[in-house]
Amino acid sequence: MKTVRQLECAIVKGNIKRAVALTERCLQEGLPPSLVIERGILRGLEIVGEKWKTYEYFIPNVLVSAMATKLSLQTLHEAVKSSVTSCIGKAVAGTVKGDVHDIGKNIVLMFMETAGFEVIDLGIDVPPEQFVRAVKREKPDLLVLSCLYTLTMHAMEDTLIALKKAGLRGKVKTLVGGAPITREFAESIGADGFGMDAVDGVRKAKELLNGSGA
């Protein structure tokens, strides 16, 4: 666990090369990717968030920590995919139109892959019509929508409206999440589920597959 704690520190300091090297070392030591994310990367990001709130960190600090996180996740991705032995469901996911943030989404999707989901990631700034095309093409069990800006929350509702107009609303379960999203908002736009964080998001995704509610 020493290496995981060192990774946490590298994320906090925004030491990109060290973060990637430590992520690789964690894998070499046989640590599960989910543990590396939860106890290394996420804990580091929590500290960065606190430092931002107390004005100890500013935008440049946050940006380098974000880059260290992104590259660490990329390093983990192949290990996550190779560790999955069976598929429990299929999900299409993306950050909604107008929003270019993907770290939170990427963490959730990696946890979902670890849990056995096949994930098709459409990326960032995804318009409603692109989500609709992907649902038609991929026929997923779940559609996962993410956003970070309060100004882009409406794009989640726009996407659900587009799904309904395309006659797909009852054919795929919808799961929403992101910093500004609340259970009340999710219910108000008609989403089937809401995830508070990566771990909760995977739990809700499994519940939706099994037919239980948000």
N, C-alpha and C. Protein backbone atom coordinates (compact mmCIF):
# COMPACT_ATOMS: atom_id res chain seq x y z
N MET A 1 0.82 -1.22 0.00
CA MET A 1 0.00 0.00 0.00
C MET A 1 0.85 1.26 0.00
N LYS A 2 2.15 1.11 0.26
CA LYS A 2 3.03 2.28 0.25
C LYS A 2 3.03 2.96 -1.11
N THR A 3 3.03 2.16 -2.17
CA THR A 3 3.05 2.71 -3.52
C THR A 3 1.77 3.49 -3.81
N VAL A 4 0.64 3.00 -3.31
CA VAL A 4 -0.64 3.70 -3.51
C VAL A 4 -0.61 5.06 -2.82
N ARG A 5 -0.05 5.10 -1.62
CA ARG A 5 0.03 6.38 -0.90
C ARG A 5 0.97 7.34 -1.63
N GLN A 6 2.02 6.79 -2.22
CA GLN A 6 2.93 7.63 -3.00
C GLN A 6 2.23 8.18 -4.24
N LEU A 7 1.36 7.36 -4.84
CA LEU A 7 0.59 7.80 -6.00
C LEU A 7 -0.35 8.94 -5.60
N GLU A 8 -0.98 8.78 -4.45
CA GLU A 8 -1.85 9.85 -3.94
C GLU A 8 -1.08 11.17 -3.86
N CYS A 9 0.12 11.13 -3.31
CA CYS A 9 0.95 12.34 -3.18
C CYS A 9 1.33 12.91 -4.54
N ALA A 10 1.63 12.02 -5.49
CA ALA A 10 2.00 12.48 -6.84
C ALA A 10 0.83 13.17 -7.52
N ILE A 11 -0.38 12.67 -7.30
CA ILE A 11 -1.57 13.32 -7.86
C ILE A 11 -1.76 14.69 -7.23
N VAL A 12 -1.60 14.78 -5.92
CA VAL A 12 -1.77 16.05 -5.22
C VAL A 12 -0.76 17.08 -5.71
N LYS A 13 0.49 16.63 -5.90
CA LYS A 13 1.55 17.55 -6.33
C LYS A 13 1.53 17.81 -7.84
N GLY A 14 0.75 17.02 -8.57
CA GLY A 14 0.70 17.19 -10.02
C GLY A 14 1.98 16.74 -10.69
N ASN A 15 2.64 15.77 -10.09
CA ASN A 15 3.88 15.23 -10.66
C ASN A 15 3.49 14.14 -11.68
N ILE A 16 3.39 14.54 -12.94
CA ILE A 16 2.83 13.67 -13.96
C ILE A 16 3.66 12.42 -14.20
N LYS A 17 4.95 12.58 -14.41
CA LYS A 17 5.81 11.42 -14.69
C LYS A 17 5.82 10.44 -13.52
N ARG A 18 5.89 10.99 -12.31
CA ARG A 18 5.93 10.12 -11.13
C ARG A 18 4.59 9.40 -10.95
N ALA A 19 3.49 10.10 -11.22
CA ALA A 19 2.18 9.47 -11.09
C ALA A 19 2.04 8.28 -12.03
N VAL A 20 2.48 8.45 -13.27
CA VAL A 20 2.40 7.35 -14.24
C VAL A 20 3.31 6.19 -13.81
N ALA A 21 4.52 6.52 -13.39
CA ALA A 21 5.46 5.48 -12.97
C ALA A 21 4.93 4.71 -11.76
N LEU A 22 4.33 5.42 -10.83
CA LEU A 22 3.79 4.76 -9.63
C LEU A 22 2.57 3.91 -9.97
N THR A 23 1.78 4.37 -10.93
CA THR A 23 0.63 3.57 -11.37
C THR A 23 1.11 2.26 -11.96
N GLU A 24 2.14 2.33 -12.79
CA GLU A 24 2.72 1.12 -13.37
C GLU A 24 3.27 0.20 -12.28
N ARG A 25 3.88 0.81 -11.25
CA ARG A 25 4.43 0.01 -10.16
C ARG A 25 3.32 -0.69 -9.38
N CYS A 26 2.22 0.01 -9.18
CA CYS A 26 1.07 -0.60 -8.49
C CYS A 26 0.61 -1.85 -9.23
N LEU A 27 0.55 -1.76 -10.55
CA LEU A 27 0.13 -2.92 -11.35
C LEU A 27 1.15 -4.04 -11.26
N GLN A 28 2.43 -3.67 -11.29
CA GLN A 28 3.49 -4.68 -11.16
C GLN A 28 3.43 -5.39 -9.82
N GLU A 29 2.97 -4.68 -8.80
CA GLU A 29 2.84 -5.27 -7.47
C GLU A 29 1.58 -6.11 -7.32
N GLY A 30 0.78 -6.14 -8.38
CA GLY A 30 -0.42 -6.97 -8.37
C GLY A 30 -1.63 -6.34 -7.70
N LEU A 31 -1.62 -5.04 -7.49
CA LEU A 31 -2.75 -4.37 -6.86
C LEU A 31 -3.91 -4.24 -7.84
N PRO A 32 -5.14 -4.49 -7.40
CA PRO A 32 -6.29 -4.36 -8.29
C PRO A 32 -6.46 -2.91 -8.75
N PRO A 33 -6.78 -2.69 -10.03
CA PRO A 33 -6.98 -1.33 -10.53
C PRO A 33 -8.01 -0.53 -9.73
N SER A 34 -9.07 -1.20 -9.29
CA SER A 34 -10.10 -0.49 -8.52
C SER A 34 -9.54 0.07 -7.21
N LEU A 35 -8.64 -0.69 -6.57
CA LEU A 35 -8.02 -0.23 -5.33
C LEU A 35 -7.08 0.94 -5.62
N VAL A 36 -6.34 0.87 -6.71
CA VAL A 36 -5.43 1.95 -7.08
C VAL A 36 -6.20 3.24 -7.32
N ILE A 37 -7.35 3.11 -8.00
CA ILE A 37 -8.19 4.30 -8.26
C ILE A 37 -8.75 4.85 -6.96
N GLU A 38 -9.35 3.97 -6.17
CA GLU A 38 -10.08 4.42 -4.98
C GLU A 38 -9.15 4.99 -3.90
N ARG A 39 -8.04 4.29 -3.63
CA ARG A 39 -7.18 4.70 -2.51
C ARG A 39 -6.00 5.56 -2.93
N GLY A 40 -5.73 5.62 -4.23
CA GLY A 40 -4.64 6.45 -4.71
C GLY A 40 -5.15 7.69 -5.42
N ILE A 41 -5.77 7.48 -6.57
CA ILE A 41 -6.19 8.59 -7.42
C ILE A 41 -7.31 9.41 -6.79
N LEU A 42 -8.38 8.75 -6.35
CA LEU A 42 -9.52 9.49 -5.80
C LEU A 42 -9.16 10.24 -4.52
N ARG A 43 -8.38 9.61 -3.66
CA ARG A 43 -7.97 10.29 -2.43
C ARG A 43 -7.10 11.50 -2.76
N GLY A 44 -6.24 11.37 -3.76
CA GLY A 44 -5.44 12.50 -4.18
C GLY A 44 -6.30 13.64 -4.69
N LEU A 45 -7.31 13.30 -5.50
CA LEU A 45 -8.21 14.32 -6.04
C LEU A 45 -9.02 15.00 -4.94
N GLU A 46 -9.39 14.24 -3.92
CA GLU A 46 -10.12 14.84 -2.79
C GLU A 46 -9.27 15.91 -2.10
N ILE A 47 -8.00 15.62 -1.93
CA ILE A 47 -7.09 16.59 -1.30
C ILE A 47 -6.92 17.82 -2.18
N VAL A 48 -6.79 17.60 -3.49
CA VAL A 48 -6.69 18.72 -4.43
C VAL A 48 -7.95 19.59 -4.33
N GLY A 49 -9.10 18.95 -4.23
CA GLY A 49 -10.36 19.69 -4.10
C GLY A 49 -10.41 20.53 -2.84
N GLU A 50 -9.92 19.98 -1.74
CA GLU A 50 -9.90 20.73 -0.49
C GLU A 50 -8.94 21.92 -0.57
N LYS A 51 -7.80 21.69 -1.19
CA LYS A 51 -6.82 22.78 -1.34
C LYS A 51 -7.37 23.89 -2.24
N TRP A 52 -8.18 23.51 -3.22
CA TRP A 52 -8.83 24.49 -4.09
C TRP A 52 -9.83 25.33 -3.30
N LYS A 53 -10.61 24.65 -2.47
CA LYS A 53 -11.63 25.35 -1.68
C LYS A 53 -11.02 26.33 -0.69
N THR A 54 -9.84 26.00 -0.16
CA THR A 54 -9.20 26.86 0.84
C THR A 54 -8.20 27.84 0.22
N TYR A 55 -8.22 27.93 -1.11
CA TYR A 55 -7.36 28.87 -1.86
C TYR A 55 -5.87 28.58 -1.69
N GLU A 56 -5.56 27.34 -1.32
CA GLU A 56 -4.15 26.92 -1.27
C GLU A 56 -3.68 26.53 -2.67
N TYR A 57 -4.63 26.04 -3.48
CA TYR A 57 -4.36 25.68 -4.86
C TYR A 57 -5.14 26.60 -5.79
N PHE A 58 -4.56 26.83 -6.97
CA PHE A 58 -5.20 27.66 -7.98
C PHE A 58 -5.29 26.87 -9.29
N ILE A 59 -5.81 27.47 -10.33
CA ILE A 59 -6.07 26.75 -11.57
C ILE A 59 -4.86 25.99 -12.10
N PRO A 60 -3.66 26.56 -12.14
CA PRO A 60 -2.51 25.77 -12.64
C PRO A 60 -2.25 24.51 -11.83
N ASN A 61 -2.41 24.59 -10.49
CA ASN A 61 -2.23 23.41 -9.64
C ASN A 61 -3.24 22.32 -9.98
N VAL A 62 -4.50 22.75 -10.14
CA VAL A 62 -5.57 21.80 -10.43
C VAL A 62 -5.35 21.15 -11.80
N LEU A 63 -4.89 21.94 -12.77
CA LEU A 63 -4.70 21.42 -14.12
C LEU A 63 -3.62 20.34 -14.18
N VAL A 64 -2.51 20.55 -13.47
CA VAL A 64 -1.45 19.53 -13.52
C VAL A 64 -1.87 18.27 -12.77
N SER A 65 -2.63 18.44 -11.70
CA SER A 65 -3.16 17.26 -10.99
C SER A 65 -4.14 16.51 -11.89
N ALA A 66 -4.94 17.26 -12.63
CA ALA A 66 -5.90 16.64 -13.55
C ALA A 66 -5.17 15.86 -14.64
N MET A 67 -4.09 16.42 -15.16
CA MET A 67 -3.33 15.72 -16.19
C MET A 67 -2.67 14.46 -15.63
N ALA A 68 -2.13 14.55 -14.42
CA ALA A 68 -1.54 13.38 -13.78
C ALA A 68 -2.59 12.28 -13.60
N THR A 69 -3.80 12.69 -13.22
CA THR A 69 -4.90 11.75 -13.05
C THR A 69 -5.27 11.09 -14.37
N LYS A 70 -5.39 11.90 -15.42
CA LYS A 70 -5.80 11.39 -16.73
C LYS A 70 -4.81 10.35 -17.25
N LEU A 71 -3.51 10.64 -17.14
CA LEU A 71 -2.51 9.71 -17.64
C LEU A 71 -2.41 8.45 -16.77
N SER A 72 -2.64 8.60 -15.48
CA SER A 72 -2.67 7.43 -14.59
C SER A 72 -3.83 6.51 -14.96
N LEU A 73 -4.98 7.10 -15.24
CA LEU A 73 -6.14 6.30 -15.64
C LEU A 73 -5.89 5.59 -16.97
N GLN A 74 -5.24 6.27 -17.89
CA GLN A 74 -4.91 5.63 -19.17
C GLN A 74 -3.99 4.43 -18.95
N THR A 75 -3.06 4.58 -18.02
CA THR A 75 -2.14 3.48 -17.70
C THR A 75 -2.90 2.28 -17.13
N LEU A 76 -3.93 2.56 -16.35
CA LEU A 76 -4.72 1.48 -15.73
C LEU A 76 -5.69 0.81 -16.69
N HIS A 77 -6.05 1.50 -17.76
CA HIS A 77 -7.16 1.05 -18.59
C HIS A 77 -6.96 -0.34 -19.17
N GLU A 78 -5.81 -0.61 -19.74
CA GLU A 78 -5.58 -1.92 -20.34
C GLU A 78 -5.64 -3.02 -19.29
N ALA A 79 -5.13 -2.73 -18.10
CA ALA A 79 -5.18 -3.72 -17.02
C ALA A 79 -6.62 -4.00 -16.61
N VAL A 80 -7.45 -2.96 -16.61
CA VAL A 80 -8.85 -3.13 -16.26
C VAL A 80 -9.54 -4.02 -17.28
N LYS A 81 -9.32 -3.75 -18.55
CA LYS A 81 -9.97 -4.53 -19.60
C LYS A 81 -9.54 -5.99 -19.57
N SER A 82 -8.27 -6.22 -19.31
CA SER A 82 -7.76 -7.60 -19.31
C SER A 82 -8.18 -8.38 -18.07
N SER A 83 -8.61 -7.66 -17.02
CA SER A 83 -8.99 -8.34 -15.79
C SER A 83 -10.45 -8.80 -15.80
N VAL A 84 -11.22 -8.33 -16.79
CA VAL A 84 -12.64 -8.68 -16.87
C VAL A 84 -12.80 -10.03 -17.56
N THR A 85 -13.47 -10.95 -16.90
CA THR A 85 -13.63 -12.30 -17.44
C THR A 85 -15.01 -12.54 -18.05
N SER A 86 -16.00 -11.75 -17.66
CA SER A 86 -17.35 -11.93 -18.21
C SER A 86 -18.05 -10.58 -18.27
N CYS A 87 -19.00 -10.48 -19.19
CA CYS A 87 -19.74 -9.23 -19.40
C CYS A 87 -21.12 -9.34 -18.76
N ILE A 88 -21.45 -8.38 -17.90
CA ILE A 88 -22.76 -8.41 -17.25
C ILE A 88 -23.75 -7.46 -17.91
N GLY A 89 -23.26 -6.57 -18.77
CA GLY A 89 -24.14 -5.62 -19.43
C GLY A 89 -23.35 -4.66 -20.29
N LYS A 90 -24.07 -3.91 -21.10
CA LYS A 90 -23.44 -2.98 -22.04
C LYS A 90 -23.92 -1.56 -21.76
N ALA A 91 -22.98 -0.61 -21.79
CA ALA A 91 -23.32 0.78 -21.51
C ALA A 91 -22.71 1.71 -22.56
N VAL A 92 -23.50 2.67 -23.00
CA VAL A 92 -23.01 3.79 -23.80
C VAL A 92 -22.91 4.98 -22.86
N ALA A 93 -21.81 5.74 -22.95
CA ALA A 93 -21.60 6.83 -22.01
C ALA A 93 -20.98 8.04 -22.69
N GLY A 94 -21.14 9.19 -22.04
CA GLY A 94 -20.50 10.40 -22.56
C GLY A 94 -20.78 11.60 -21.69
N THR A 95 -19.97 12.62 -21.85
CA THR A 95 -20.21 13.92 -21.21
C THR A 95 -21.10 14.72 -22.15
N VAL A 96 -22.14 15.34 -21.61
CA VAL A 96 -23.17 15.96 -22.44
C VAL A 96 -22.68 17.20 -23.18
N LYS A 97 -23.47 17.63 -24.14
CA LYS A 97 -23.14 18.76 -25.01
C LYS A 97 -22.81 20.02 -24.19
N GLY A 98 -21.73 20.68 -24.58
CA GLY A 98 -21.31 21.91 -23.93
C GLY A 98 -20.33 21.71 -22.79
N ASP A 99 -20.10 20.46 -22.41
CA ASP A 99 -19.22 20.16 -21.28
C ASP A 99 -18.03 19.34 -21.76
N VAL A 100 -16.82 19.76 -21.40
CA VAL A 100 -15.62 19.08 -21.90
C VAL A 100 -14.85 18.36 -20.78
N HIS A 101 -15.48 18.15 -19.64
CA HIS A 101 -14.82 17.48 -18.53
C HIS A 101 -15.01 15.97 -18.63
N ASP A 102 -13.93 15.23 -18.39
CA ASP A 102 -14.05 13.79 -18.54
C ASP A 102 -13.41 12.96 -17.44
N ILE A 103 -12.73 13.58 -16.49
CA ILE A 103 -12.05 12.78 -15.47
C ILE A 103 -13.05 11.98 -14.64
N GLY A 104 -14.09 12.65 -14.16
CA GLY A 104 -15.10 11.95 -13.36
C GLY A 104 -15.75 10.83 -14.14
N LYS A 105 -16.10 11.12 -15.39
CA LYS A 105 -16.71 10.11 -16.25
C LYS A 105 -15.76 8.93 -16.44
N ASN A 106 -14.51 9.23 -16.71
CA ASN A 106 -13.55 8.16 -16.97
C ASN A 106 -13.36 7.25 -15.76
N ILE A 107 -13.39 7.84 -14.56
CA ILE A 107 -13.26 7.03 -13.35
C ILE A 107 -14.48 6.12 -13.18
N VAL A 108 -15.67 6.67 -13.39
CA VAL A 108 -16.88 5.87 -13.29
C VAL A 108 -16.85 4.71 -14.30
N LEU A 109 -16.46 5.02 -15.53
CA LEU A 109 -16.46 3.99 -16.56
C LEU A 109 -15.43 2.91 -16.28
N MET A 110 -14.30 3.29 -15.68
CA MET A 110 -13.30 2.29 -15.35
C MET A 110 -13.80 1.36 -14.25
N PHE A 111 -14.51 1.93 -13.28
CA PHE A 111 -15.13 1.09 -12.25
C PHE A 111 -16.17 0.17 -12.86
N MET A 112 -16.93 0.69 -13.83
CA MET A 112 -17.95 -0.14 -14.49
C MET A 112 -17.29 -1.28 -15.27
N GLU A 113 -16.20 -0.99 -15.95
CA GLU A 113 -15.49 -2.04 -16.68
C GLU A 113 -14.95 -3.10 -15.73
N THR A 114 -14.42 -2.65 -14.60
CA THR A 114 -13.93 -3.59 -13.59
C THR A 114 -15.05 -4.50 -13.09
N ALA A 115 -16.26 -3.93 -13.02
CA ALA A 115 -17.41 -4.69 -12.53
C ALA A 115 -17.97 -5.63 -13.60
N GLY A 116 -17.50 -5.50 -14.85
CA GLY A 116 -17.93 -6.42 -15.89
C GLY A 116 -18.78 -5.82 -16.99
N PHE A 117 -18.90 -4.50 -17.02
CA PHE A 117 -19.66 -3.86 -18.08
C PHE A 117 -18.80 -3.68 -19.33
N GLU A 118 -19.40 -3.87 -20.48
CA GLU A 118 -18.79 -3.42 -21.73
C GLU A 118 -19.18 -1.96 -21.91
N VAL A 119 -18.20 -1.10 -22.11
CA VAL A 119 -18.46 0.34 -22.15
C VAL A 119 -18.07 0.93 -23.50
N ILE A 120 -18.99 1.66 -24.10
CA ILE A 120 -18.70 2.44 -25.30
C ILE A 120 -18.71 3.91 -24.89
N ASP A 121 -17.53 4.52 -24.89
CA ASP A 121 -17.38 5.90 -24.43
C ASP A 121 -17.40 6.85 -25.63
N LEU A 122 -18.40 7.72 -25.67
CA LEU A 122 -18.53 8.67 -26.78
C LEU A 122 -17.70 9.92 -26.57
N GLY A 123 -17.09 10.05 -25.38
CA GLY A 123 -16.22 11.19 -25.13
C GLY A 123 -16.91 12.38 -24.49
N ILE A 124 -16.48 13.58 -24.89
CA ILE A 124 -16.99 14.81 -24.29
C ILE A 124 -17.81 15.62 -25.29
N ASP A 125 -18.58 16.58 -24.77
CA ASP A 125 -19.35 17.51 -25.61
C ASP A 125 -20.22 16.75 -26.61
N VAL A 126 -20.94 15.76 -26.11
CA VAL A 126 -21.73 14.88 -26.99
C VAL A 126 -23.16 15.41 -27.13
N PRO A 127 -23.59 15.77 -28.32
CA PRO A 127 -24.96 16.27 -28.52
C PRO A 127 -26.00 15.16 -28.40
N PRO A 128 -27.24 15.51 -28.09
CA PRO A 128 -28.30 14.51 -27.92
C PRO A 128 -28.43 13.55 -29.10
N GLU A 129 -28.33 14.09 -30.34
CA GLU A 129 -28.52 13.23 -31.51
C GLU A 129 -27.42 12.18 -31.63
N GLN A 130 -26.22 12.47 -31.12
CA GLN A 130 -25.14 11.48 -31.16
C GLN A 130 -25.42 10.35 -30.17
N PHE A 131 -25.95 10.71 -28.99
CA PHE A 131 -26.35 9.68 -28.03
C PHE A 131 -27.43 8.79 -28.64
N VAL A 132 -28.40 9.41 -29.31
CA VAL A 132 -29.49 8.65 -29.92
C VAL A 132 -28.95 7.68 -30.96
N ARG A 133 -28.06 8.16 -31.82
CA ARG A 133 -27.48 7.27 -32.85
C ARG A 133 -26.74 6.10 -32.21
N ALA A 134 -26.01 6.39 -31.14
CA ALA A 134 -25.24 5.33 -30.47
C ALA A 134 -26.16 4.30 -29.83
N VAL A 135 -27.25 4.74 -29.24
CA VAL A 135 -28.20 3.81 -28.62
C VAL A 135 -28.84 2.93 -29.69
N LYS A 136 -29.18 3.53 -30.82
CA LYS A 136 -29.75 2.74 -31.92
C LYS A 136 -28.76 1.72 -32.43
N ARG A 137 -27.50 2.13 -32.55
CA ARG A 137 -26.48 1.27 -33.13
C ARG A 137 -26.02 0.17 -32.17
N GLU A 138 -25.80 0.54 -30.90
CA GLU A 138 -25.18 -0.38 -29.94
C GLU A 138 -26.19 -1.21 -29.16
N LYS A 139 -27.44 -0.70 -29.06
CA LYS A 139 -28.48 -1.37 -28.28
C LYS A 139 -27.99 -1.71 -26.86
N PRO A 140 -27.55 -0.69 -26.10
CA PRO A 140 -27.01 -0.94 -24.75
C PRO A 140 -28.11 -1.16 -23.71
N ASP A 141 -27.69 -1.69 -22.59
CA ASP A 141 -28.60 -1.80 -21.45
C ASP A 141 -28.72 -0.47 -20.73
N LEU A 142 -27.61 0.30 -20.74
CA LEU A 142 -27.56 1.55 -19.99
C LEU A 142 -27.03 2.69 -20.86
N LEU A 143 -27.55 3.89 -20.59
CA LEU A 143 -26.98 5.12 -21.14
C LEU A 143 -26.52 5.95 -19.95
N VAL A 144 -25.23 6.26 -19.91
CA VAL A 144 -24.64 6.99 -18.78
C VAL A 144 -24.28 8.40 -19.23
N LEU A 145 -24.88 9.40 -18.56
CA LEU A 145 -24.66 10.81 -18.92
C LEU A 145 -23.94 11.53 -17.78
N SER A 146 -22.92 12.31 -18.15
CA SER A 146 -22.12 13.02 -17.14
C SER A 146 -22.02 14.50 -17.48
N CYS A 147 -21.92 15.33 -16.45
CA CYS A 147 -21.60 16.74 -16.65
C CYS A 147 -20.97 17.31 -15.38
N LEU A 148 -20.24 18.40 -15.53
CA LEU A 148 -19.62 19.07 -14.39
C LEU A 148 -20.17 20.48 -14.20
N TYR A 149 -20.57 21.11 -15.28
CA TYR A 149 -21.08 22.48 -15.22
C TYR A 149 -22.58 22.49 -14.91
N THR A 150 -23.01 23.41 -14.06
CA THR A 150 -24.45 23.59 -13.86
C THR A 150 -25.10 24.08 -15.15
N LEU A 151 -24.35 24.81 -15.96
CA LEU A 151 -24.90 25.36 -17.21
C LEU A 151 -25.17 24.29 -18.25
N THR A 152 -24.60 23.11 -18.07
CA THR A 152 -24.83 22.04 -19.06
C THR A 152 -25.78 20.96 -18.55
N MET A 153 -26.34 21.16 -17.37
CA MET A 153 -27.28 20.18 -16.84
C MET A 153 -28.49 19.99 -17.76
N HIS A 154 -28.91 21.10 -18.39
CA HIS A 154 -30.09 21.03 -19.25
C HIS A 154 -29.87 20.08 -20.43
N ALA A 155 -28.58 19.89 -20.81
CA ALA A 155 -28.28 18.99 -21.94
C ALA A 155 -28.63 17.55 -21.60
N MET A 156 -28.63 17.20 -20.31
CA MET A 156 -29.06 15.86 -19.91
C MET A 156 -30.55 15.68 -20.22
N GLU A 157 -31.34 16.68 -19.86
CA GLU A 157 -32.77 16.62 -20.14
C GLU A 157 -33.02 16.60 -21.64
N ASP A 158 -32.27 17.42 -22.39
CA ASP A 158 -32.41 17.44 -23.84
C ASP A 158 -32.15 16.06 -24.44
N THR A 159 -31.16 15.36 -23.87
CA THR A 159 -30.82 14.02 -24.37
C THR A 159 -31.95 13.03 -24.09
N LEU A 160 -32.53 13.10 -22.90
CA LEU A 160 -33.63 12.20 -22.57
C LEU A 160 -34.86 12.49 -23.43
N ILE A 161 -35.09 13.77 -23.72
CA ILE A 161 -36.19 14.14 -24.61
C ILE A 161 -35.96 13.58 -26.01
N ALA A 162 -34.70 13.69 -26.48
CA ALA A 162 -34.36 13.16 -27.81
C ALA A 162 -34.55 11.65 -27.86
N LEU A 163 -34.19 10.96 -26.78
CA LEU A 163 -34.40 9.51 -26.72
C LEU A 163 -35.88 9.16 -26.83
N LYS A 164 -36.69 9.94 -26.12
CA LYS A 164 -38.14 9.69 -26.13
C LYS A 164 -38.71 9.92 -27.52
N LYS A 165 -38.29 11.00 -28.16
CA LYS A 165 -38.78 11.31 -29.51
C LYS A 165 -38.39 10.23 -30.51
N ALA A 166 -37.23 9.60 -30.26
CA ALA A 166 -36.76 8.54 -31.16
C ALA A 166 -37.37 7.18 -30.83
N GLY A 167 -38.23 7.14 -29.81
CA GLY A 167 -38.88 5.90 -29.43
C GLY A 167 -37.98 4.93 -28.69
N LEU A 168 -36.91 5.48 -28.06
CA LEU A 168 -35.93 4.63 -27.38
C LEU A 168 -35.98 4.71 -25.87
N ARG A 169 -36.80 5.60 -25.35
CA ARG A 169 -36.77 5.87 -23.91
C ARG A 169 -37.02 4.64 -23.05
N GLY A 170 -37.91 3.77 -23.50
CA GLY A 170 -38.21 2.58 -22.72
C GLY A 170 -37.31 1.40 -23.03
N LYS A 171 -36.37 1.59 -23.96
CA LYS A 171 -35.52 0.47 -24.37
C LYS A 171 -34.13 0.51 -23.74
N VAL A 172 -33.82 1.58 -23.02
CA VAL A 172 -32.51 1.69 -22.38
C VAL A 172 -32.68 2.42 -21.05
N LYS A 173 -32.01 1.93 -20.01
CA LYS A 173 -32.03 2.60 -18.72
C LYS A 173 -31.03 3.76 -18.73
N THR A 174 -31.37 4.84 -18.05
CA THR A 174 -30.50 6.02 -18.05
C THR A 174 -29.97 6.30 -16.65
N LEU A 175 -28.66 6.55 -16.58
CA LEU A 175 -27.98 6.83 -15.32
C LEU A 175 -27.23 8.15 -15.48
N VAL A 176 -27.46 9.09 -14.56
CA VAL A 176 -26.82 10.41 -14.66
C VAL A 176 -25.97 10.67 -13.43
N GLY A 177 -24.96 11.54 -13.61
CA GLY A 177 -24.09 11.89 -12.49
C GLY A 177 -23.18 13.04 -12.84
N GLY A 178 -22.48 13.54 -11.82
CA GLY A 178 -21.60 14.68 -11.98
C GLY A 178 -21.75 15.61 -10.79
N ALA A 179 -20.79 16.51 -10.63
CA ALA A 179 -20.74 17.36 -9.45
C ALA A 179 -22.05 18.11 -9.15
N PRO A 180 -22.72 18.71 -10.15
CA PRO A 180 -23.91 19.49 -9.82
C PRO A 180 -25.19 18.66 -9.76
N ILE A 181 -25.12 17.38 -10.06
CA ILE A 181 -26.33 16.57 -10.18
C ILE A 181 -26.79 16.05 -8.82
N THR A 182 -28.08 16.15 -8.58
CA THR A 182 -28.69 15.64 -7.35
C THR A 182 -29.76 14.61 -7.71
N ARG A 183 -30.16 13.86 -6.71
CA ARG A 183 -31.24 12.89 -6.92
C ARG A 183 -32.51 13.60 -7.40
N GLU A 184 -32.77 14.77 -6.81
CA GLU A 184 -33.98 15.51 -7.17
C GLU A 184 -33.95 15.92 -8.64
N PHE A 185 -32.78 16.38 -9.10
CA PHE A 185 -32.67 16.77 -10.50
C PHE A 185 -32.86 15.55 -11.40
N ALA A 186 -32.20 14.45 -11.04
CA ALA A 186 -32.31 13.23 -11.84
C ALA A 186 -33.77 12.80 -11.97
N GLU A 187 -34.50 12.87 -10.87
CA GLU A 187 -35.91 12.49 -10.91
C GLU A 187 -36.73 13.47 -11.73
N SER A 188 -36.37 14.76 -11.65
CA SER A 188 -37.15 15.79 -12.36
C SER A 188 -37.05 15.65 -13.87
N ILE A 189 -35.92 15.12 -14.38
CA ILE A 189 -35.78 14.97 -15.83
C ILE A 189 -36.15 13.56 -16.30
N GLY A 190 -36.51 12.71 -15.35
CA GLY A 190 -36.96 11.37 -15.71
C GLY A 190 -35.87 10.34 -15.88
N ALA A 191 -34.67 10.60 -15.32
CA ALA A 191 -33.60 9.60 -15.39
C ALA A 191 -33.96 8.41 -14.51
N ASP A 192 -33.48 7.24 -14.90
CA ASP A 192 -33.79 6.03 -14.13
C ASP A 192 -32.92 5.89 -12.89
N GLY A 193 -31.72 6.50 -12.91
CA GLY A 193 -30.83 6.37 -11.77
C GLY A 193 -29.89 7.55 -11.66
N PHE A 194 -29.31 7.71 -10.46
CA PHE A 194 -28.38 8.80 -10.16
C PHE A 194 -27.24 8.24 -9.33
N GLY A 195 -25.99 8.53 -9.74
CA GLY A 195 -24.83 8.09 -8.98
C GLY A 195 -24.14 9.26 -8.30
N MET A 196 -23.93 9.16 -6.99
CA MET A 196 -23.27 10.24 -6.24
C MET A 196 -21.78 10.29 -6.53
N ASP A 197 -21.18 9.12 -6.77
CA ASP A 197 -19.75 9.04 -7.05
C ASP A 197 -19.51 7.76 -7.85
N ALA A 198 -18.24 7.44 -8.10
CA ALA A 198 -17.94 6.29 -8.95
C ALA A 198 -18.46 4.98 -8.36
N VAL A 199 -18.23 4.77 -7.08
CA VAL A 199 -18.66 3.52 -6.45
C VAL A 199 -20.18 3.41 -6.44
N ASP A 200 -20.85 4.51 -6.08
CA ASP A 200 -22.30 4.51 -6.06
C ASP A 200 -22.86 4.35 -7.47
N GLY A 201 -22.17 4.96 -8.46
CA GLY A 201 -22.63 4.85 -9.84
C GLY A 201 -22.64 3.41 -10.33
N VAL A 202 -21.61 2.64 -9.99
CA VAL A 202 -21.57 1.23 -10.39
C VAL A 202 -22.66 0.44 -9.68
N ARG A 203 -22.87 0.74 -8.41
CA ARG A 203 -23.93 0.05 -7.67
C ARG A 203 -25.29 0.32 -8.30
N LYS A 204 -25.54 1.59 -8.66
CA LYS A 204 -26.82 1.94 -9.29
C LYS A 204 -26.95 1.29 -10.66
N ALA A 205 -25.83 1.23 -11.40
CA ALA A 205 -25.87 0.59 -12.72
C ALA A 205 -26.28 -0.87 -12.60
N LYS A 206 -25.72 -1.57 -11.61
CA LYS A 206 -26.07 -2.98 -11.40
C LYS A 206 -27.54 -3.12 -10.99
N GLU A 207 -28.02 -2.19 -10.15
CA GLU A 207 -29.41 -2.22 -9.72
C GLU A 207 -30.34 -2.03 -10.91
N LEU A 208 -29.99 -1.10 -11.80
CA LEU A 208 -30.82 -0.86 -12.97
C LEU A 208 -30.86 -2.07 -13.88
N LEU A 209 -29.75 -2.78 -14.00
CA LEU A 209 -29.72 -4.01 -14.79
C LEU A 209 -30.65 -5.05 -14.20
N ASN A 210 -30.72 -5.06 -12.88
CA ASN A 210 -31.55 -6.07 -12.19
C ASN A 210 -32.99 -5.62 -12.03
N GLY A 211 -33.30 -4.44 -12.56
CA GLY A 211 -34.70 -3.98 -12.57
C GLY A 211 -35.14 -3.22 -11.36
N SER A 212 -34.22 -2.88 -10.43
CA SER A 212 -34.59 -2.09 -9.27
C SER A 212 -34.47 -0.61 -9.59
N GLY A 213 -35.04 0.23 -8.77
CA GLY A 213 -35.15 1.66 -9.08
C GLY A 213 -33.92 2.45 -8.70
N ALA A 214 -34.04 3.81 -8.88
CA ALA A 214 -32.93 4.74 -8.59
C ALA A 214 -32.70 4.89 -7.12
